[in-house]
C-alpha atoms as a PDB file:
ATOM      1  CA  UNK A   1       4.932 201.790 160.867  1.00  0.00           C
ATOM      2  CA  UNK A   2       6.280 203.889 163.667  1.00  0.00           C
ATOM      3  CA  UNK A   3       9.022 206.387 162.933  1.00  0.00           C
ATOM      4  CA  UNK A   4      10.559 205.489 166.296  1.00  0.00           C
ATOM      5  CA  UNK A   5      11.384 201.917 165.452  1.00  0.00           C
ATOM      6  CA  UNK A   6      15.062 202.604 164.726  1.00  0.00           C
ATOM      7  CA  UNK A   7      15.682 204.466 167.965  1.00  0.00           C
ATOM      8  CA  UNK A   8      17.183 202.858 171.009  1.00  0.00           C
ATOM      9  CA  UNK A   9      14.303 202.641 173.423  1.00  0.00           C
ATOM     10  CA  UNK A  10      14.489 201.407 176.955  1.00  0.00           C
ATOM     11  CA  UNK A  11      11.577 199.816 178.723  1.00  0.00           C
ATOM     12  CA  UNK A  12      13.763 197.651 180.927  1.00  0.00           C
ATOM     13  CA  UNK A  13      10.733 195.693 182.082  1.00  0.00           C
ATOM     14  CA  UNK A  14      10.708 193.914 178.739  1.00  0.00           C
ATOM     15  CA  UNK A  15      14.371 193.477 177.818  1.00  0.00           C
ATOM     16  CA  UNK A  16      16.383 193.344 181.039  1.00  0.00           C
ATOM     17  CA  UNK A  17      15.230 189.887 182.231  1.00  0.00           C
ATOM     18  CA  UNK A  18      16.595 188.294 179.054  1.00  0.00           C
ATOM     19  CA  UNK A  19      20.020 189.873 179.498  1.00  0.00           C
ATOM     20  CA  UNK A  20      20.192 188.749 183.109  1.00  0.00           C
ATOM     21  CA  UNK A  21      19.226 185.152 182.369  1.00  0.00           C
ATOM     22  CA  UNK A  22      20.891 184.380 179.032  1.00  0.00           C
ATOM     23  CA  UNK A  23      24.376 184.527 177.471  1.00  0.00           C
ATOM     24  CA  UNK A  24      23.500 187.313 175.022  1.00  0.00           C
ATOM     25  CA  UNK A  25      24.767 190.825 174.360  1.00  0.00           C
ATOM     26  CA  UNK A  26      21.564 192.653 173.526  1.00  0.00           C
ATOM     27  CA  UNK A  27      17.827 192.325 173.055  1.00  0.00           C
ATOM     28  CA  UNK A  28      14.894 194.017 171.367  1.00  0.00           C
ATOM     29  CA  UNK A  29      11.167 193.513 171.812  1.00  0.00           C
ATOM     30  CA  UNK A  30       8.903 194.465 168.934  1.00  0.00           C
ATOM     31  CA  UNK A  31       5.178 194.407 168.345  1.00  0.00           C
ATOM     32  CA  UNK A  32       4.236 192.441 165.237  1.00  0.00           C
ATOM     33  CA  UNK A  33       0.964 190.630 164.823  1.00  0.00           C
ATOM     34  CA  UNK A  34      -2.750 190.885 165.350  1.00  0.00           C
ATOM     35  CA  UNK A  35      -3.212 194.109 167.320  1.00  0.00           C
ATOM     36  CA  UNK A  36      -0.649 196.716 166.294  1.00  0.00           C
ATOM     37  CA  UNK A  37       1.773 197.696 163.547  1.00  0.00           C
ATOM     38  CA  UNK A  38       5.445 196.688 163.699  1.00  0.00           C
ATOM     39  CA  UNK A  39       7.242 198.858 166.241  1.00  0.00           C
ATOM     40  CA  UNK A  40      10.226 198.493 168.531  1.00  0.00           C
ATOM     41  CA  UNK A  41       9.063 198.555 172.141  1.00  0.00           C
ATOM     42  CA  UNK A  42      12.428 197.966 173.788  1.00  0.00           C
ATOM     43  CA  UNK A  43      16.014 197.810 172.535  1.00  0.00           C
ATOM     44  CA  UNK A  44      19.015 197.527 174.802  1.00  0.00           C
ATOM     45  CA  UNK A  45      21.434 199.140 172.357  1.00  0.00           C
ATOM     46  CA  UNK A  46      21.793 200.546 168.853  1.00  0.00           C
ATOM     47  CA  UNK A  47      22.696 197.168 167.354  1.00  0.00           C
ATOM     48  CA  UNK A  48      19.527 195.542 168.704  1.00  0.00           C
ATOM     49  CA  UNK A  49      17.468 198.456 167.401  1.00  0.00           C
ATOM     50  CA  UNK A  50      19.147 198.230 163.989  1.00  0.00           C
ATOM     51  CA  UNK A  51      18.391 194.502 163.744  1.00  0.00           C
ATOM     52  CA  UNK A  52      14.722 195.300 164.290  1.00  0.00           C
ATOM     53  CA  UNK A  53      14.809 198.119 161.757  1.00  0.00           C
ATOM     54  CA  UNK A  54      16.355 195.913 159.068  1.00  0.00           C
ATOM     55  CA  UNK A  55      13.741 193.222 159.568  1.00  0.00           C
ATOM     56  CA  UNK A  56      10.897 195.731 159.410  1.00  0.00           C
ATOM     57  CA  UNK A  57      12.289 197.332 156.244  1.00  0.00           C
ATOM     58  CA  UNK A  58      12.996 194.035 154.463  1.00  0.00           C
ATOM     59  CA  UNK A  59       9.936 192.200 155.774  1.00  0.00           C
ATOM     60  CA  UNK A  60      12.091 189.165 156.436  1.00  0.00           C
ATOM     61  CA  UNK A  61      14.337 187.836 159.157  1.00  0.00           C
ATOM     62  CA  UNK A  62      14.173 185.654 162.259  1.00  0.00           C
ATOM     63  CA  UNK A  63      11.452 187.748 163.894  1.00  0.00           C
ATOM     64  CA  UNK A  64       9.092 187.149 160.958  1.00  0.00           C
ATOM     65  CA  UNK A  65       9.950 183.447 160.924  1.00  0.00           C
ATOM     66  CA  UNK A  66       9.321 183.142 164.667  1.00  0.00           C
ATOM     67  CA  UNK A  67       5.993 184.919 164.256  1.00  0.00           C
ATOM     68  CA  UNK A  68       4.908 182.710 161.342  1.00  0.00           C
ATOM     69  CA  UNK A  69       5.918 179.413 162.929  1.00  0.00           C
ATOM     70  CA  UNK A  70       5.237 180.393 166.556  1.00  0.00           C
ATOM     71  CA  UNK A  71       8.510 178.670 167.398  1.00  0.00           C
ATOM     72  CA  UNK A  72      11.933 179.893 168.492  1.00  0.00           C
ATOM     73  CA  UNK A  73      14.401 180.600 165.702  1.00  0.00           C
ATOM     74  CA  UNK A  74      17.929 179.753 166.844  1.00  0.00           C
ATOM     75  CA  UNK A  75      20.896 180.917 164.760  1.00  0.00           C
ATOM     76  CA  UNK A  76      24.096 180.269 166.726  1.00  0.00           C
ATOM     77  CA  UNK A  77      26.357 181.284 163.824  1.00  0.00           C
ATOM     78  CA  UNK A  78      24.759 184.005 161.727  1.00  0.00           C
ATOM     79  CA  UNK A  79      27.819 184.503 159.537  1.00  0.00           C
ATOM     80  CA  UNK A  80      28.420 180.889 158.562  1.00  0.00           C
ATOM     81  CA  UNK A  81      24.893 179.476 158.676  1.00  0.00           C
ATOM     82  CA  UNK A  82      22.258 182.217 158.318  1.00  0.00           C
ATOM     83  CA  UNK A  83      18.617 181.351 157.945  1.00  0.00           C
ATOM     84  CA  UNK A  84      17.806 180.067 154.474  1.00  0.00           C
ATOM     85  CA  UNK A  85      14.511 181.941 154.423  1.00  0.00           C
ATOM     86  CA  UNK A  86      15.921 185.449 154.875  1.00  0.00           C
ATOM     87  CA  UNK A  87      18.969 186.005 152.620  1.00  0.00           C
ATOM     88  CA  UNK A  88      18.441 189.763 152.250  1.00  0.00           C
ATOM     89  CA  UNK A  89      18.391 190.285 156.002  1.00  0.00           C
ATOM     90  CA  UNK A  90      21.457 188.073 156.500  1.00  0.00           C
ATOM     91  CA  UNK A  91      23.340 190.107 153.891  1.00  0.00           C
ATOM     92  CA  UNK A  92      22.282 193.422 155.455  1.00  0.00           C
ATOM     93  CA  UNK A  93      23.182 192.270 158.967  1.00  0.00           C
ATOM     94  CA  UNK A  94      26.638 191.092 157.905  1.00  0.00           C
ATOM     95  CA  UNK A  95      28.112 194.498 158.685  1.00  0.00           C
ATOM     96  CA  UNK A  96      26.861 194.492 162.272  1.00  0.00           C
ATOM     97  CA  UNK A  97      28.773 193.053 165.248  1.00  0.00           C
ATOM     98  CA  UNK A  98      26.348 190.139 165.485  1.00  0.00           C
ATOM     99  CA  UNK A  99      27.572 186.548 165.572  1.00  0.00           C
ATOM    100  CA  UNK A 100      24.518 184.764 166.997  1.00  0.00           C
ATOM    101  CA  UNK A 101      20.854 185.662 166.733  1.00  0.00           C
ATOM    102  CA  UNK A 102      17.789 184.177 168.387  1.00  0.00           C
ATOM    103  CA  UNK A 103      14.098 185.065 168.085  1.00  0.00           C
ATOM    104  CA  UNK A 104      11.224 183.974 170.310  1.00  0.00           C
ATOM    105  CA  UNK A 105       7.546 184.687 169.560  1.00  0.00           C
ATOM    106  CA  UNK A 106       5.392 186.597 172.032  1.00  0.00           C
ATOM    107  CA  UNK A 107       1.893 185.145 171.992  1.00  0.00           C
ATOM    108  CA  UNK A 108      -1.052 184.399 174.234  1.00  0.00           C
ATOM    109  CA  UNK A 109      -3.448 181.745 173.007  1.00  0.00           C
ATOM    110  CA  UNK A 110      -4.147 182.456 169.323  1.00  0.00           C
ATOM    111  CA  UNK A 111      -2.936 186.063 169.518  1.00  0.00           C
ATOM    112  CA  UNK A 112       0.396 186.964 167.940  1.00  0.00           C
ATOM    113  CA  UNK A 113       1.720 189.987 169.815  1.00  0.00           C
ATOM    114  CA  UNK A 114       5.349 190.376 168.853  1.00  0.00           C
ATOM    115  CA  UNK A 115       8.847 188.948 169.016  1.00  0.00           C
ATOM    116  CA  UNK A 116      11.919 189.164 171.226  1.00  0.00           C
ATOM    117  CA  UNK A 117      15.194 189.241 169.268  1.00  0.00           C
ATOM    118  CA  UNK A 118      18.384 188.339 171.152  1.00  0.00           C
ATOM    119  CA  UNK A 119      21.877 188.718 169.759  1.00  0.00           C
ATOM    120  CA  UNK A 120      25.429 187.953 170.834  1.00  0.00           C
ATOM    121  CA  UNK A 121      28.550 189.638 169.531  1.00  0.00           C
ATOM    122  CA  UNK A 122      30.371 186.300 169.896  1.00  0.00           C
ATOM    123  CA  UNK A 123      29.153 182.925 168.605  1.00  0.00           C
ATOM    124  CA  UNK A 124      27.088 181.240 171.285  1.00  0.00           C
ATOM    125  CA  UNK A 125      24.834 178.211 171.306  1.00  0.00           C
ATOM    126  CA  UNK A 126      21.879 178.230 173.681  1.00  0.00           C
ATOM    127  CA  UNK A 127      21.655 175.155 175.868  1.00  0.00           C
ATOM    128  CA  UNK A 128      18.308 173.411 176.226  1.00  0.00           C
ATOM    129  CA  UNK A 129      17.925 175.046 179.635  1.00  0.00           C
ATOM    130  CA  UNK A 130      18.626 178.468 178.095  1.00  0.00           C
ATOM    131  CA  UNK A 131      16.047 177.918 175.366  1.00  0.00           C
ATOM    132  CA  UNK A 132      13.466 176.823 177.906  1.00  0.00           C
ATOM    133  CA  UNK A 133      14.184 179.834 180.107  1.00  0.00           C
ATOM    134  CA  UNK A 134      13.983 182.202 177.143  1.00  0.00           C
ATOM    135  CA  UNK A 135      10.602 180.737 176.179  1.00  0.00           C
ATOM    136  CA  UNK A 136       9.356 181.255 179.746  1.00  0.00           C
ATOM    137  CA  UNK A 137      10.550 184.854 179.741  1.00  0.00           C
ATOM    138  CA  UNK A 138       8.919 185.376 176.336  1.00  0.00           C
ATOM    139  CA  UNK A 139       5.628 184.141 177.763  1.00  0.00           C
ATOM    140  CA  UNK A 140       5.935 186.630 180.630  1.00  0.00           C
ATOM    141  CA  UNK A 141       6.858 189.428 178.219  1.00  0.00           C
ATOM    142  CA  UNK A 142       3.893 188.601 175.980  1.00  0.00           C
ATOM    143  CA  UNK A 143       1.520 188.822 178.913  1.00  0.00           C
ATOM    144  CA  UNK A 144       3.023 192.148 180.009  1.00  0.00           C
ATOM    145  CA  UNK A 145       2.907 193.479 176.456  1.00  0.00           C
ATOM    146  CA  UNK A 146      -0.757 192.589 176.009  1.00  0.00           C
ATOM    147  CA  UNK A 147      -1.660 194.223 179.322  1.00  0.00           C
ATOM    148  CA  UNK A 148       0.168 197.389 178.303  1.00  0.00           C
ATOM    149  CA  UNK A 149      -1.444 197.457 174.854  1.00  0.00           C
ATOM    150  CA  UNK A 150      -4.910 197.022 176.276  1.00  0.00           C
ATOM    151  CA  UNK A 151      -4.202 199.546 179.015  1.00  0.00           C
ATOM    152  CA  UNK A 152      -3.688 202.232 176.373  1.00  0.00           C
ATOM    153  CA  UNK A 153      -7.148 201.739 174.956  1.00  0.00           C
ATOM    154  CA  UNK A 154     -10.184 203.705 175.968  1.00  0.00           C
ATOM    155  CA  UNK A 155     -12.910 201.538 177.407  1.00  0.00           C
ATOM    156  CA  UNK A 156     -15.449 200.678 174.735  1.00  0.00           C
ATOM    157  CA  UNK A 157     -19.065 201.702 175.336  1.00  0.00           C
ATOM    158  CA  UNK A 158     -21.022 198.825 176.795  1.00  0.00           C
ATOM    159  CA  UNK A 159     -17.926 196.969 177.858  1.00  0.00           C
ATOM    160  CA  UNK A 160     -18.709 197.352 181.545  1.00  0.00           C
ATOM    161  CA  UNK A 161     -21.945 198.027 183.301  1.00  0.00           C
ATOM    162  CA  UNK A 162     -24.415 197.826 180.411  1.00  0.00           C
ATOM    163  CA  UNK A 163     -26.795 195.016 181.166  1.00  0.00           C
ATOM    164  CA  UNK A 164     -25.935 194.913 184.850  1.00  0.00           C
ATOM    165  CA  UNK A 165     -24.655 191.835 186.600  1.00  0.00           C
ATOM    166  CA  UNK A 166     -25.918 189.538 183.850  1.00  0.00           C
ATOM    167  CA  UNK A 167     -23.465 190.876 181.263  1.00  0.00           C
ATOM    168  CA  UNK A 168     -20.515 190.410 183.602  1.00  0.00           C
ATOM    169  CA  UNK A 169     -21.693 186.906 184.413  1.00  0.00           C
ATOM    170  CA  UNK A 170     -21.717 186.045 180.712  1.00  0.00           C
ATOM    171  CA  UNK A 171     -18.146 187.332 180.393  1.00  0.00           C
ATOM    172  CA  UNK A 172     -17.104 185.198 183.355  1.00  0.00           C
ATOM    173  CA  UNK A 173     -18.782 182.187 181.739  1.00  0.00           C
ATOM    174  CA  UNK A 174     -17.002 182.910 178.463  1.00  0.00           C
ATOM    175  CA  UNK A 175     -13.715 183.215 180.341  1.00  0.00           C
ATOM    176  CA  UNK A 176     -14.253 179.687 181.613  1.00  0.00           C
ATOM    177  CA  UNK A 177     -14.864 178.502 178.059  1.00  0.00           C
ATOM    178  CA  UNK A 178     -11.620 180.108 176.856  1.00  0.00           C
ATOM    179  CA  UNK A 179      -9.736 178.433 179.710  1.00  0.00           C
ATOM    180  CA  UNK A 180     -11.074 175.095 178.453  1.00  0.00           C
ATOM    181  CA  UNK A 181     -10.238 175.922 174.821  1.00  0.00           C
ATOM    182  CA  UNK A 182      -6.673 177.095 175.365  1.00  0.00           C
ATOM    183  CA  UNK A 183      -5.593 175.695 178.713  1.00  0.00           C
ATOM    184  CA  UNK A 184      -4.604 179.147 179.999  1.00  0.00           C
ATOM    185  CA  UNK A 185      -5.117 180.904 183.322  1.00  0.00           C
ATOM    186  CA  UNK A 186      -8.324 182.878 184.032  1.00  0.00           C
ATOM    187  CA  UNK A 187      -6.332 186.115 183.801  1.00  0.00           C
ATOM    188  CA  UNK A 188      -4.917 185.214 180.383  1.00  0.00           C
ATOM    189  CA  UNK A 189      -8.319 184.025 179.162  1.00  0.00           C
ATOM    190  CA  UNK A 190      -9.813 187.426 179.949  1.00  0.00           C
ATOM    191  CA  UNK A 191      -6.894 189.135 178.207  1.00  0.00           C
ATOM    192  CA  UNK A 192      -7.617 187.053 175.090  1.00  0.00           C
ATOM    193  CA  UNK A 193     -11.273 188.124 175.170  1.00  0.00           C
ATOM    194  CA  UNK A 194     -10.328 191.780 175.635  1.00  0.00           C
ATOM    195  CA  UNK A 195      -7.791 191.648 172.810  1.00  0.00           C
ATOM    196  CA  UNK A 196     -10.260 189.989 170.420  1.00  0.00           C
ATOM    197  CA  UNK A 197     -12.834 192.649 171.290  1.00  0.00           C
ATOM    198  CA  UNK A 198     -10.372 195.408 170.461  1.00  0.00           C
ATOM    199  CA  UNK A 199      -9.114 193.797 167.257  1.00  0.00           C
ATOM    200  CA  UNK A 200     -12.650 193.322 165.914  1.00  0.00           C
ATOM    201  CA  UNK A 201     -14.222 196.544 167.262  1.00  0.00           C
ATOM    202  CA  UNK A 202     -16.542 194.641 169.588  1.00  0.00           C
ATOM    203  CA  UNK A 203     -17.400 194.810 173.261  1.00  0.00           C
ATOM    204  CA  UNK A 204     -16.317 192.079 175.636  1.00  0.00           C
ATOM    205  CA  UNK A 205     -19.967 191.181 176.105  1.00  0.00           C
ATOM    206  CA  UNK A 206     -20.419 190.660 172.351  1.00  0.00           C
ATOM    207  CA  UNK A 207     -17.335 188.459 172.222  1.00  0.00           C
ATOM    208  CA  UNK A 208     -18.623 186.499 175.221  1.00  0.00           C
ATOM    209  CA  UNK A 209     -21.911 185.815 173.451  1.00  0.00           C
ATOM    210  CA  UNK A 210     -20.034 184.541 170.376  1.00  0.00           C
ATOM    211  CA  UNK A 211     -17.949 182.233 172.560  1.00  0.00           C
ATOM    212  CA  UNK A 212     -20.920 180.892 174.487  1.00  0.00           C
ATOM    213  CA  UNK A 213     -22.914 180.518 171.273  1.00  0.00           C
ATOM    214  CA  UNK A 214     -20.137 178.337 169.790  1.00  0.00           C
ATOM    215  CA  UNK A 215     -19.503 180.892 167.035  1.00  0.00           C
ATOM    216  CA  UNK A 216     -15.979 181.605 168.269  1.00  0.00           C
ATOM    217  CA  UNK A 217     -13.433 178.965 169.249  1.00  0.00           C
ATOM    218  CA  UNK A 218      -9.964 180.329 169.946  1.00  0.00           C
ATOM    219  CA  UNK A 219      -8.422 176.872 169.753  1.00  0.00           C
ATOM    220  CA  UNK A 220      -9.675 176.542 166.176  1.00  0.00           C
ATOM    221  CA  UNK A 221      -8.533 180.103 165.367  1.00  0.00           C
ATOM    222  CA  UNK A 222      -5.008 179.283 166.498  1.00  0.00           C
ATOM    223  CA  UNK A 223      -4.843 176.237 164.213  1.00  0.00           C
ATOM    224  CA  UNK A 224      -5.554 178.185 161.023  1.00  0.00           C
END
């Protein structure tokens, strides 16, 4: 776990869109899931960062619930009706100026990437349109997060070039298969392949062969 998780960090590219679009006071994006350890990527203020820190320390809270269920967790009145599944977090957060708390999972296909936590200092209930917009922004943030995570990685030997045009053609074919499996865009399908390759210490070409050989079905992986 990163030692920086409790600090207020500010990659506005992740957090700012949520503050502009929704009736919330602060936001924090954290990585939790298949590729990296829990870490705060963006926090708009100390309260948002502290909410992340508490959830990491206690291993419970709305971010963990959102990750497990892959659904938004909406808590319009944290003080009167906290989540039943995270009593320790609710008790610890009682001293913070947080009245409402919302968590949305960041995922692409079967990959769990992280969570966006949103809080309001005053009780607020998200309208259906707000919830839909937050989910759309979470999808955008998940895509950006995966690109950034993969961009930090060194290219694996054999990932490009080895085998000439044939290997790239197989990756393109596998990308088409992932599109069919998950109903995602070609760009997102390739991101899923790249992420699976990294997570399992494989090359993209090896992952492509597993997909085309029917040994890997991301739709089935996501249902487990």
